[in-house]
Amino acid sequence: MILNILSLVIAFAGMELVAHIMHKYVMHGFLWSLHKSHHQKSKGFFEKNDYYFLVFATPGILLIVIGAKAAFDWRFFAGAGIALYGFTYLLIHDVIIHQRVRWLTKINNGYIRAIRKAHKAHHAHTDKNAAVSYGMLWIDKKYFDKGEKPRHITGHKARF
C-alpha cells in the first residue's frame, strides 16, 4: 500500500515538472501552432490548445488500465496521480484562472491570487519566446502578496 500511495504522490508531483517542461519547450516551442490559440482572444469555448488534453491524459489512462489489469498495482496509482493532476490543472487553470466555466469566481486566498498573478504575467506577452512562469502549481515567491490586505478575486475576464 505504501508503494501505491508513493506512486500516486510522485506521479502527481512529477506532472508539475512535466507540465513546466512541456509548456516551455513544446507548447512555446515546436508546437506553438496549437498553443498560440491560448494566448489570443478566444472565438469560442474551445481552442486548438485544448488538444493538449489528449497528450497529457493518454499516459494516465494507459497506466490506469494496465495497473487495473495487474491487480491494481503501482501503475494504477501512478495513473491516478496523473489524472488527479489533470483534474487539478483543469480546476485551477480553466475554472479559477480563465473562468471558462463560471464557478469559484470569488476566492480570497493568497495562493490562488499568486497563481493568478503568475499566469497573468505569462499571458502578458503573445510572443512564444517572451513568456515567463511556465508552471501551474509551483510558482515563484515574487507572485505572492507582500503585506497586501486580502481581497476577493472577482470579475476576471476569460482571456488576459
N, C-alpha and C. Protein backbone atom coordinates (compact mmCIF):
# COMPACT_ATOMS: atom_id res chain seq x y z
N MET A 1 0.83 -1.20 0.00
CA MET A 1 0.00 0.00 0.00
C MET A 1 0.87 1.26 0.00
N ILE A 2 1.99 1.24 0.70
CA ILE A 2 2.88 2.40 0.74
C ILE A 2 3.41 2.71 -0.66
N LEU A 3 3.77 1.66 -1.42
CA LEU A 3 4.25 1.86 -2.79
C LEU A 3 3.16 2.49 -3.65
N ASN A 4 1.93 2.09 -3.45
CA ASN A 4 0.82 2.65 -4.23
C ASN A 4 0.61 4.12 -3.93
N ILE A 5 0.61 4.47 -2.65
CA ILE A 5 0.44 5.87 -2.25
C ILE A 5 1.61 6.70 -2.74
N LEU A 6 2.80 6.16 -2.61
CA LEU A 6 4.01 6.85 -3.08
C LEU A 6 3.95 7.06 -4.59
N SER A 7 3.47 6.06 -5.31
CA SER A 7 3.34 6.18 -6.78
C SER A 7 2.38 7.31 -7.15
N LEU A 8 1.27 7.40 -6.43
CA LEU A 8 0.29 8.45 -6.69
C LEU A 8 0.90 9.83 -6.42
N VAL A 9 1.56 9.99 -5.28
CA VAL A 9 2.13 11.28 -4.90
C VAL A 9 3.26 11.68 -5.85
N ILE A 10 4.14 10.75 -6.18
CA ILE A 10 5.26 11.05 -7.10
C ILE A 10 4.73 11.41 -8.49
N ALA A 11 3.73 10.67 -8.96
CA ALA A 11 3.16 10.96 -10.29
C ALA A 11 2.52 12.35 -10.30
N PHE A 12 1.76 12.66 -9.26
CA PHE A 12 1.12 13.98 -9.18
C PHE A 12 2.18 15.08 -9.18
N ALA A 13 3.16 14.98 -8.29
CA ALA A 13 4.21 16.00 -8.18
C ALA A 13 5.06 16.05 -9.45
N GLY A 14 5.34 14.89 -10.02
CA GLY A 14 6.13 14.83 -11.24
C GLY A 14 5.45 15.50 -12.41
N MET A 15 4.13 15.48 -12.42
CA MET A 15 3.40 16.12 -13.51
C MET A 15 3.58 17.63 -13.52
N GLU A 16 3.84 18.23 -12.37
CA GLU A 16 4.12 19.67 -12.37
C GLU A 16 5.41 19.95 -13.13
N LEU A 17 6.42 19.10 -12.93
CA LEU A 17 7.68 19.24 -13.67
C LEU A 17 7.46 18.95 -15.15
N VAL A 18 6.73 17.90 -15.46
CA VAL A 18 6.42 17.57 -16.86
C VAL A 18 5.65 18.72 -17.51
N ALA A 19 4.67 19.25 -16.81
CA ALA A 19 3.86 20.35 -17.36
C ALA A 19 4.74 21.57 -17.64
N HIS A 20 5.64 21.89 -16.71
CA HIS A 20 6.54 23.03 -16.89
C HIS A 20 7.42 22.83 -18.13
N ILE A 21 8.04 21.68 -18.23
CA ILE A 21 8.94 21.39 -19.37
C ILE A 21 8.16 21.38 -20.68
N MET A 22 7.02 20.70 -20.70
CA MET A 22 6.20 20.66 -21.92
C MET A 22 5.73 22.06 -22.31
N HIS A 23 5.31 22.84 -21.32
CA HIS A 23 4.80 24.18 -21.61
C HIS A 23 5.91 25.06 -22.19
N LYS A 24 7.07 25.02 -21.58
CA LYS A 24 8.16 25.91 -22.01
C LYS A 24 8.79 25.47 -23.33
N TYR A 25 9.06 24.18 -23.48
CA TYR A 25 9.84 23.72 -24.63
C TYR A 25 9.03 23.12 -25.77
N VAL A 26 7.82 22.67 -25.50
CA VAL A 26 7.00 22.10 -26.56
C VAL A 26 5.89 23.08 -26.96
N MET A 27 5.10 23.51 -25.97
CA MET A 27 3.98 24.41 -26.28
C MET A 27 4.47 25.78 -26.74
N HIS A 28 5.54 26.27 -26.14
CA HIS A 28 6.14 27.52 -26.58
C HIS A 28 7.32 27.26 -27.50
N GLY A 29 7.41 26.04 -28.00
CA GLY A 29 8.46 25.64 -28.93
C GLY A 29 7.85 25.19 -30.24
N PHE A 30 8.17 23.94 -30.61
CA PHE A 30 7.80 23.46 -31.94
C PHE A 30 6.30 23.22 -32.13
N LEU A 31 5.51 23.17 -31.05
CA LEU A 31 4.05 23.04 -31.20
C LEU A 31 3.31 24.32 -30.79
N TRP A 32 3.99 25.44 -30.98
CA TRP A 32 3.38 26.74 -30.70
C TRP A 32 2.10 26.94 -31.52
N SER A 33 2.04 26.33 -32.69
CA SER A 33 0.88 26.50 -33.55
C SER A 33 -0.42 26.08 -32.85
N LEU A 34 -0.36 25.13 -31.95
CA LEU A 34 -1.55 24.74 -31.17
C LEU A 34 -1.75 25.64 -29.96
N HIS A 35 -0.66 25.93 -29.25
CA HIS A 35 -0.75 26.69 -28.01
C HIS A 35 -1.03 28.18 -28.24
N LYS A 36 -0.67 28.67 -29.40
CA LYS A 36 -0.85 30.09 -29.73
C LYS A 36 -2.30 30.52 -29.51
N SER A 37 -3.23 29.63 -29.77
CA SER A 37 -4.65 29.95 -29.60
C SER A 37 -4.98 30.32 -28.16
N HIS A 38 -4.20 29.81 -27.22
CA HIS A 38 -4.44 30.11 -25.80
C HIS A 38 -3.97 31.51 -25.43
N HIS A 39 -3.09 32.07 -26.21
CA HIS A 39 -2.56 33.41 -25.96
C HIS A 39 -3.27 34.47 -26.80
N GLN A 40 -4.33 34.09 -27.47
CA GLN A 40 -5.10 35.02 -28.27
C GLN A 40 -6.52 35.09 -27.73
N LYS A 41 -7.25 36.11 -28.14
CA LYS A 41 -8.65 36.24 -27.73
C LYS A 41 -9.41 35.05 -28.28
N SER A 42 -10.15 34.40 -27.41
CA SER A 42 -10.89 33.20 -27.78
C SER A 42 -12.11 33.56 -28.63
N LYS A 43 -12.37 32.74 -29.65
CA LYS A 43 -13.53 32.94 -30.51
C LYS A 43 -14.68 32.03 -30.11
N GLY A 44 -14.44 31.17 -29.15
CA GLY A 44 -15.47 30.25 -28.70
C GLY A 44 -15.03 29.58 -27.41
N PHE A 45 -15.76 28.58 -27.00
CA PHE A 45 -15.44 27.89 -25.76
C PHE A 45 -14.16 27.07 -25.89
N PHE A 46 -14.01 26.37 -27.02
CA PHE A 46 -12.83 25.54 -27.24
C PHE A 46 -11.81 26.29 -28.08
N GLU A 47 -10.55 25.88 -27.92
CA GLU A 47 -9.45 26.45 -28.70
C GLU A 47 -8.51 25.31 -29.08
N LYS A 48 -7.65 25.54 -30.06
CA LYS A 48 -6.71 24.50 -30.50
C LYS A 48 -5.86 23.97 -29.35
N ASN A 49 -5.54 24.83 -28.42
CA ASN A 49 -4.73 24.45 -27.26
C ASN A 49 -5.35 23.29 -26.47
N ASP A 50 -6.66 23.13 -26.55
CA ASP A 50 -7.34 22.07 -25.80
C ASP A 50 -6.94 20.67 -26.26
N TYR A 51 -6.35 20.54 -27.44
CA TYR A 51 -5.87 19.24 -27.89
C TYR A 51 -4.77 18.69 -26.98
N TYR A 52 -4.08 19.56 -26.28
CA TYR A 52 -3.04 19.10 -25.36
C TYR A 52 -3.61 18.21 -24.26
N PHE A 53 -4.89 18.32 -24.00
CA PHE A 53 -5.53 17.44 -23.03
C PHE A 53 -5.26 15.98 -23.39
N LEU A 54 -5.37 15.65 -24.67
CA LEU A 54 -5.15 14.27 -25.12
C LEU A 54 -3.71 13.83 -24.88
N VAL A 55 -2.78 14.74 -25.12
CA VAL A 55 -1.37 14.43 -24.91
C VAL A 55 -1.10 14.12 -23.44
N PHE A 56 -1.65 14.94 -22.55
CA PHE A 56 -1.40 14.75 -21.13
C PHE A 56 -2.24 13.62 -20.52
N ALA A 57 -3.43 13.38 -21.04
CA ALA A 57 -4.31 12.36 -20.46
C ALA A 57 -3.92 10.94 -20.86
N THR A 58 -3.35 10.77 -22.03
CA THR A 58 -3.06 9.42 -22.54
C THR A 58 -2.18 8.59 -21.61
N PRO A 59 -1.04 9.08 -21.12
CA PRO A 59 -0.23 8.24 -20.22
C PRO A 59 -0.98 7.84 -18.95
N GLY A 60 -1.75 8.75 -18.39
CA GLY A 60 -2.52 8.44 -17.19
C GLY A 60 -3.55 7.36 -17.44
N ILE A 61 -4.27 7.47 -18.54
CA ILE A 61 -5.28 6.47 -18.88
C ILE A 61 -4.64 5.11 -19.10
N LEU A 62 -3.54 5.09 -19.84
CA LEU A 62 -2.84 3.81 -20.08
C LEU A 62 -2.36 3.17 -18.79
N LEU A 63 -1.79 3.98 -17.89
CA LEU A 63 -1.32 3.43 -16.62
C LEU A 63 -2.48 2.92 -15.76
N ILE A 64 -3.59 3.62 -15.77
CA ILE A 64 -4.76 3.17 -15.01
C ILE A 64 -5.26 1.83 -15.55
N VAL A 65 -5.37 1.71 -16.85
CA VAL A 65 -5.87 0.47 -17.46
C VAL A 65 -4.90 -0.68 -17.21
N ILE A 66 -3.61 -0.46 -17.48
CA ILE A 66 -2.61 -1.51 -17.28
C ILE A 66 -2.53 -1.90 -15.80
N GLY A 67 -2.54 -0.90 -14.92
CA GLY A 67 -2.48 -1.18 -13.49
C GLY A 67 -3.71 -1.90 -12.97
N ALA A 68 -4.88 -1.58 -13.51
CA ALA A 68 -6.12 -2.26 -13.10
C ALA A 68 -6.08 -3.73 -13.52
N LYS A 69 -5.54 -3.99 -14.71
CA LYS A 69 -5.43 -5.38 -15.18
C LYS A 69 -4.41 -6.17 -14.38
N ALA A 70 -3.49 -5.48 -13.74
CA ALA A 70 -2.44 -6.14 -12.95
C ALA A 70 -2.78 -6.05 -11.45
N ALA A 71 -4.03 -6.27 -11.13
CA ALA A 71 -4.49 -6.29 -9.73
C ALA A 71 -4.27 -4.96 -9.01
N PHE A 72 -4.46 -3.88 -9.74
CA PHE A 72 -4.35 -2.54 -9.16
C PHE A 72 -2.97 -2.32 -8.51
N ASP A 73 -1.95 -2.57 -9.29
CA ASP A 73 -0.59 -2.36 -8.78
C ASP A 73 -0.21 -0.88 -8.84
N TRP A 74 1.03 -0.57 -8.63
CA TRP A 74 1.54 0.80 -8.54
C TRP A 74 1.22 1.61 -9.80
N ARG A 75 1.12 0.94 -10.96
CA ARG A 75 0.84 1.66 -12.21
C ARG A 75 -0.55 2.29 -12.19
N PHE A 76 -1.49 1.59 -11.59
CA PHE A 76 -2.83 2.16 -11.45
C PHE A 76 -2.77 3.46 -10.65
N PHE A 77 -2.04 3.44 -9.57
CA PHE A 77 -1.95 4.61 -8.69
C PHE A 77 -1.12 5.73 -9.32
N ALA A 78 -0.11 5.38 -10.10
CA ALA A 78 0.64 6.41 -10.83
C ALA A 78 -0.28 7.08 -11.85
N GLY A 79 -1.07 6.28 -12.55
CA GLY A 79 -2.05 6.82 -13.49
C GLY A 79 -3.08 7.68 -12.78
N ALA A 80 -3.49 7.26 -11.60
CA ALA A 80 -4.44 8.05 -10.81
C ALA A 80 -3.81 9.38 -10.40
N GLY A 81 -2.51 9.38 -10.08
CA GLY A 81 -1.81 10.62 -9.74
C GLY A 81 -1.77 11.57 -10.92
N ILE A 82 -1.54 11.04 -12.11
CA ILE A 82 -1.54 11.86 -13.33
C ILE A 82 -2.94 12.41 -13.57
N ALA A 83 -3.95 11.57 -13.42
CA ALA A 83 -5.34 12.01 -13.61
C ALA A 83 -5.73 13.07 -12.57
N LEU A 84 -5.29 12.88 -11.34
CA LEU A 84 -5.58 13.86 -10.29
C LEU A 84 -4.91 15.20 -10.60
N TYR A 85 -3.69 15.16 -11.12
CA TYR A 85 -3.04 16.39 -11.54
C TYR A 85 -3.83 17.04 -12.67
N GLY A 86 -4.28 16.24 -13.63
CA GLY A 86 -5.08 16.77 -14.74
C GLY A 86 -6.34 17.44 -14.25
N PHE A 87 -7.02 16.82 -13.28
CA PHE A 87 -8.22 17.42 -12.72
C PHE A 87 -7.88 18.72 -12.00
N THR A 88 -6.79 18.71 -11.23
CA THR A 88 -6.36 19.91 -10.52
C THR A 88 -6.02 21.02 -11.50
N TYR A 89 -5.33 20.68 -12.57
CA TYR A 89 -4.98 21.65 -13.61
C TYR A 89 -6.25 22.24 -14.23
N LEU A 90 -7.20 21.38 -14.56
CA LEU A 90 -8.46 21.84 -15.14
C LEU A 90 -9.17 22.79 -14.19
N LEU A 91 -9.24 22.43 -12.93
CA LEU A 91 -9.91 23.25 -11.94
C LEU A 91 -9.22 24.61 -11.77
N ILE A 92 -7.91 24.59 -11.62
CA ILE A 92 -7.19 25.85 -11.38
C ILE A 92 -7.07 26.68 -12.66
N HIS A 93 -6.63 26.06 -13.74
CA HIS A 93 -6.37 26.81 -14.97
C HIS A 93 -7.64 27.25 -15.69
N ASP A 94 -8.51 26.30 -15.96
CA ASP A 94 -9.68 26.62 -16.78
C ASP A 94 -10.84 27.19 -15.99
N VAL A 95 -11.00 26.77 -14.74
CA VAL A 95 -12.13 27.25 -13.94
C VAL A 95 -11.75 28.50 -13.14
N ILE A 96 -10.71 28.41 -12.34
CA ILE A 96 -10.38 29.52 -11.44
C ILE A 96 -9.67 30.66 -12.17
N ILE A 97 -8.67 30.36 -12.99
CA ILE A 97 -7.92 31.42 -13.66
C ILE A 97 -8.68 32.01 -14.84
N HIS A 98 -8.97 31.18 -15.83
CA HIS A 98 -9.59 31.69 -17.06
C HIS A 98 -11.11 31.74 -16.99
N GLN A 99 -11.68 31.13 -16.01
CA GLN A 99 -13.13 31.11 -15.79
C GLN A 99 -13.91 30.74 -17.06
N ARG A 100 -13.46 29.67 -17.68
CA ARG A 100 -14.17 29.15 -18.84
C ARG A 100 -15.52 28.60 -18.41
N VAL A 101 -15.61 28.20 -17.18
CA VAL A 101 -16.87 27.83 -16.54
C VAL A 101 -16.98 28.74 -15.33
N ARG A 102 -18.09 29.36 -15.13
CA ARG A 102 -18.24 30.38 -14.09
C ARG A 102 -18.53 29.77 -12.72
N TRP A 103 -17.53 29.09 -12.17
CA TRP A 103 -17.60 28.58 -10.80
C TRP A 103 -16.46 29.22 -10.04
N LEU A 104 -16.53 29.20 -8.76
CA LEU A 104 -15.42 29.63 -7.90
C LEU A 104 -14.87 31.00 -8.31
N THR A 105 -15.75 31.94 -8.52
CA THR A 105 -15.33 33.26 -9.02
C THR A 105 -14.86 34.20 -7.91
N LYS A 106 -15.18 33.90 -6.67
CA LYS A 106 -14.78 34.78 -5.56
C LYS A 106 -13.94 33.98 -4.57
N ILE A 107 -12.65 33.98 -4.78
CA ILE A 107 -11.75 33.24 -3.91
C ILE A 107 -10.80 34.23 -3.24
N ASN A 108 -10.79 34.22 -1.93
CA ASN A 108 -9.92 35.11 -1.17
C ASN A 108 -8.83 34.26 -0.53
N ASN A 109 -7.85 33.90 -1.33
CA ASN A 109 -6.78 33.02 -0.88
C ASN A 109 -5.47 33.49 -1.49
N GLY A 110 -4.45 33.66 -0.65
CA GLY A 110 -3.17 34.18 -1.14
C GLY A 110 -2.51 33.31 -2.18
N TYR A 111 -2.61 31.99 -2.03
CA TYR A 111 -2.01 31.08 -3.01
C TYR A 111 -2.69 31.20 -4.36
N ILE A 112 -4.01 31.24 -4.37
CA ILE A 112 -4.74 31.37 -5.64
C ILE A 112 -4.45 32.73 -6.28
N ARG A 113 -4.39 33.79 -5.48
CA ARG A 113 -4.04 35.10 -6.04
C ARG A 113 -2.65 35.05 -6.67
N ALA A 114 -1.71 34.38 -6.02
CA ALA A 114 -0.35 34.27 -6.56
C ALA A 114 -0.33 33.49 -7.87
N ILE A 115 -1.08 32.41 -7.93
CA ILE A 115 -1.16 31.63 -9.17
C ILE A 115 -1.74 32.49 -10.29
N ARG A 116 -2.77 33.25 -9.97
CA ARG A 116 -3.38 34.11 -10.99
C ARG A 116 -2.42 35.19 -11.46
N LYS A 117 -1.65 35.77 -10.54
CA LYS A 117 -0.65 36.78 -10.93
C LYS A 117 0.42 36.17 -11.83
N ALA A 118 0.89 35.00 -11.48
CA ALA A 118 1.92 34.34 -12.30
C ALA A 118 1.37 34.03 -13.69
N HIS A 119 0.14 33.58 -13.76
CA HIS A 119 -0.45 33.26 -15.05
C HIS A 119 -0.70 34.52 -15.87
N LYS A 120 -1.09 35.58 -15.19
CA LYS A 120 -1.28 36.85 -15.89
C LYS A 120 0.05 37.35 -16.46
N ALA A 121 1.12 37.17 -15.69
CA ALA A 121 2.46 37.54 -16.18
C ALA A 121 2.82 36.70 -17.40
N HIS A 122 2.44 35.44 -17.37
CA HIS A 122 2.72 34.55 -18.51
C HIS A 122 1.98 35.03 -19.76
N HIS A 123 0.76 35.49 -19.59
CA HIS A 123 -0.04 35.94 -20.73
C HIS A 123 0.20 37.40 -21.11
N ALA A 124 1.10 38.07 -20.42
CA ALA A 124 1.36 39.48 -20.73
C ALA A 124 1.96 39.66 -22.12
N HIS A 125 2.56 38.62 -22.65
CA HIS A 125 3.17 38.67 -23.98
C HIS A 125 2.52 37.61 -24.86
N THR A 126 2.25 37.95 -26.09
CA THR A 126 1.67 36.98 -27.00
C THR A 126 2.72 36.28 -27.86
N ASP A 127 3.96 36.71 -27.76
CA ASP A 127 5.05 36.10 -28.50
C ASP A 127 5.46 34.80 -27.81
N LYS A 128 5.77 33.77 -28.58
CA LYS A 128 6.08 32.47 -28.00
C LYS A 128 7.35 32.47 -27.16
N ASN A 129 8.28 33.39 -27.42
CA ASN A 129 9.55 33.39 -26.70
C ASN A 129 9.60 34.41 -25.56
N ALA A 130 8.57 35.18 -25.35
CA ALA A 130 8.62 36.25 -24.36
C ALA A 130 7.97 35.88 -23.03
N ALA A 131 7.36 34.72 -22.95
CA ALA A 131 6.60 34.36 -21.75
C ALA A 131 7.50 34.04 -20.56
N VAL A 132 6.92 34.14 -19.38
CA VAL A 132 7.55 33.75 -18.11
C VAL A 132 6.58 32.83 -17.37
N SER A 133 7.03 32.23 -16.31
CA SER A 133 6.18 31.45 -15.41
C SER A 133 5.42 30.35 -16.15
N TYR A 134 6.10 29.26 -16.42
CA TYR A 134 5.51 28.16 -17.21
C TYR A 134 4.82 27.10 -16.38
N GLY A 135 5.04 27.07 -15.07
CA GLY A 135 4.41 26.07 -14.22
C GLY A 135 2.99 26.45 -13.87
N MET A 136 2.33 25.59 -13.10
CA MET A 136 0.96 25.89 -12.69
C MET A 136 0.85 25.96 -11.17
N LEU A 137 1.31 24.96 -10.47
CA LEU A 137 1.13 24.92 -9.02
C LEU A 137 2.34 25.43 -8.25
N TRP A 138 3.53 25.23 -8.79
CA TRP A 138 4.76 25.67 -8.14
C TRP A 138 5.17 26.98 -8.81
N ILE A 139 5.02 28.09 -8.08
CA ILE A 139 5.28 29.40 -8.67
C ILE A 139 6.30 30.16 -7.85
N ASP A 140 6.92 31.11 -8.48
CA ASP A 140 7.95 31.93 -7.83
C ASP A 140 7.33 32.75 -6.70
N LYS A 141 8.08 32.91 -5.63
CA LYS A 141 7.58 33.64 -4.45
C LYS A 141 7.28 35.10 -4.74
N LYS A 142 7.83 35.65 -5.82
CA LYS A 142 7.58 37.06 -6.15
C LYS A 142 6.10 37.33 -6.48
N TYR A 143 5.34 36.29 -6.78
CA TYR A 143 3.94 36.47 -7.11
C TYR A 143 3.02 36.50 -5.89
N PHE A 144 3.56 36.20 -4.73
CA PHE A 144 2.76 36.22 -3.50
C PHE A 144 2.67 37.64 -2.97
N ASP A 145 1.53 37.95 -2.36
CA ASP A 145 1.30 39.28 -1.78
C ASP A 145 2.34 39.57 -0.70
N LYS A 146 2.74 40.82 -0.64
CA LYS A 146 3.67 41.26 0.40
C LYS A 146 2.97 42.31 1.25
N GLY A 147 2.36 41.87 2.34
CA GLY A 147 1.68 42.80 3.23
C GLY A 147 0.39 43.36 2.68
N GLU A 148 -0.08 42.84 1.59
CA GLU A 148 -1.31 43.33 0.97
C GLU A 148 -2.52 42.77 1.72
N LYS A 149 -3.53 43.58 1.90
CA LYS A 149 -4.75 43.12 2.56
C LYS A 149 -5.46 42.13 1.64
N PRO A 150 -6.06 41.08 2.22
CA PRO A 150 -6.79 40.11 1.39
C PRO A 150 -7.94 40.79 0.64
N ARG A 151 -8.16 40.34 -0.57
CA ARG A 151 -9.25 40.87 -1.37
C ARG A 151 -9.87 39.72 -2.16
N HIS A 152 -11.10 39.93 -2.57
CA HIS A 152 -11.77 38.92 -3.38
C HIS A 152 -11.30 39.04 -4.82
N ILE A 153 -11.18 37.90 -5.48
CA ILE A 153 -10.85 37.87 -6.89
C ILE A 153 -12.16 37.73 -7.64
N THR A 154 -12.57 38.79 -8.30
CA THR A 154 -13.86 38.77 -8.99
C THR A 154 -13.73 39.37 -10.38
N GLY A 155 -14.68 39.07 -11.19
CA GLY A 155 -14.80 39.71 -12.49
C GLY A 155 -13.64 39.50 -13.43
N HIS A 156 -12.92 38.40 -13.28
CA HIS A 156 -11.78 38.13 -14.15
C HIS A 156 -12.27 37.74 -15.54
N LYS A 157 -11.72 38.34 -16.55
CA LYS A 157 -12.14 38.04 -17.91
C LYS A 157 -11.58 36.70 -18.35
N ALA A 158 -12.21 36.09 -19.32
CA ALA A 158 -11.81 34.76 -19.78
C ALA A 158 -10.41 34.75 -20.36
N ARG A 159 -9.94 35.83 -20.93
CA ARG A 159 -8.60 35.88 -21.51
C ARG A 159 -7.90 37.13 -20.97
N PHE A 160 -6.62 37.02 -20.77
CA PHE A 160 -5.86 38.16 -20.27
C PHE A 160 -5.66 39.14 -21.38
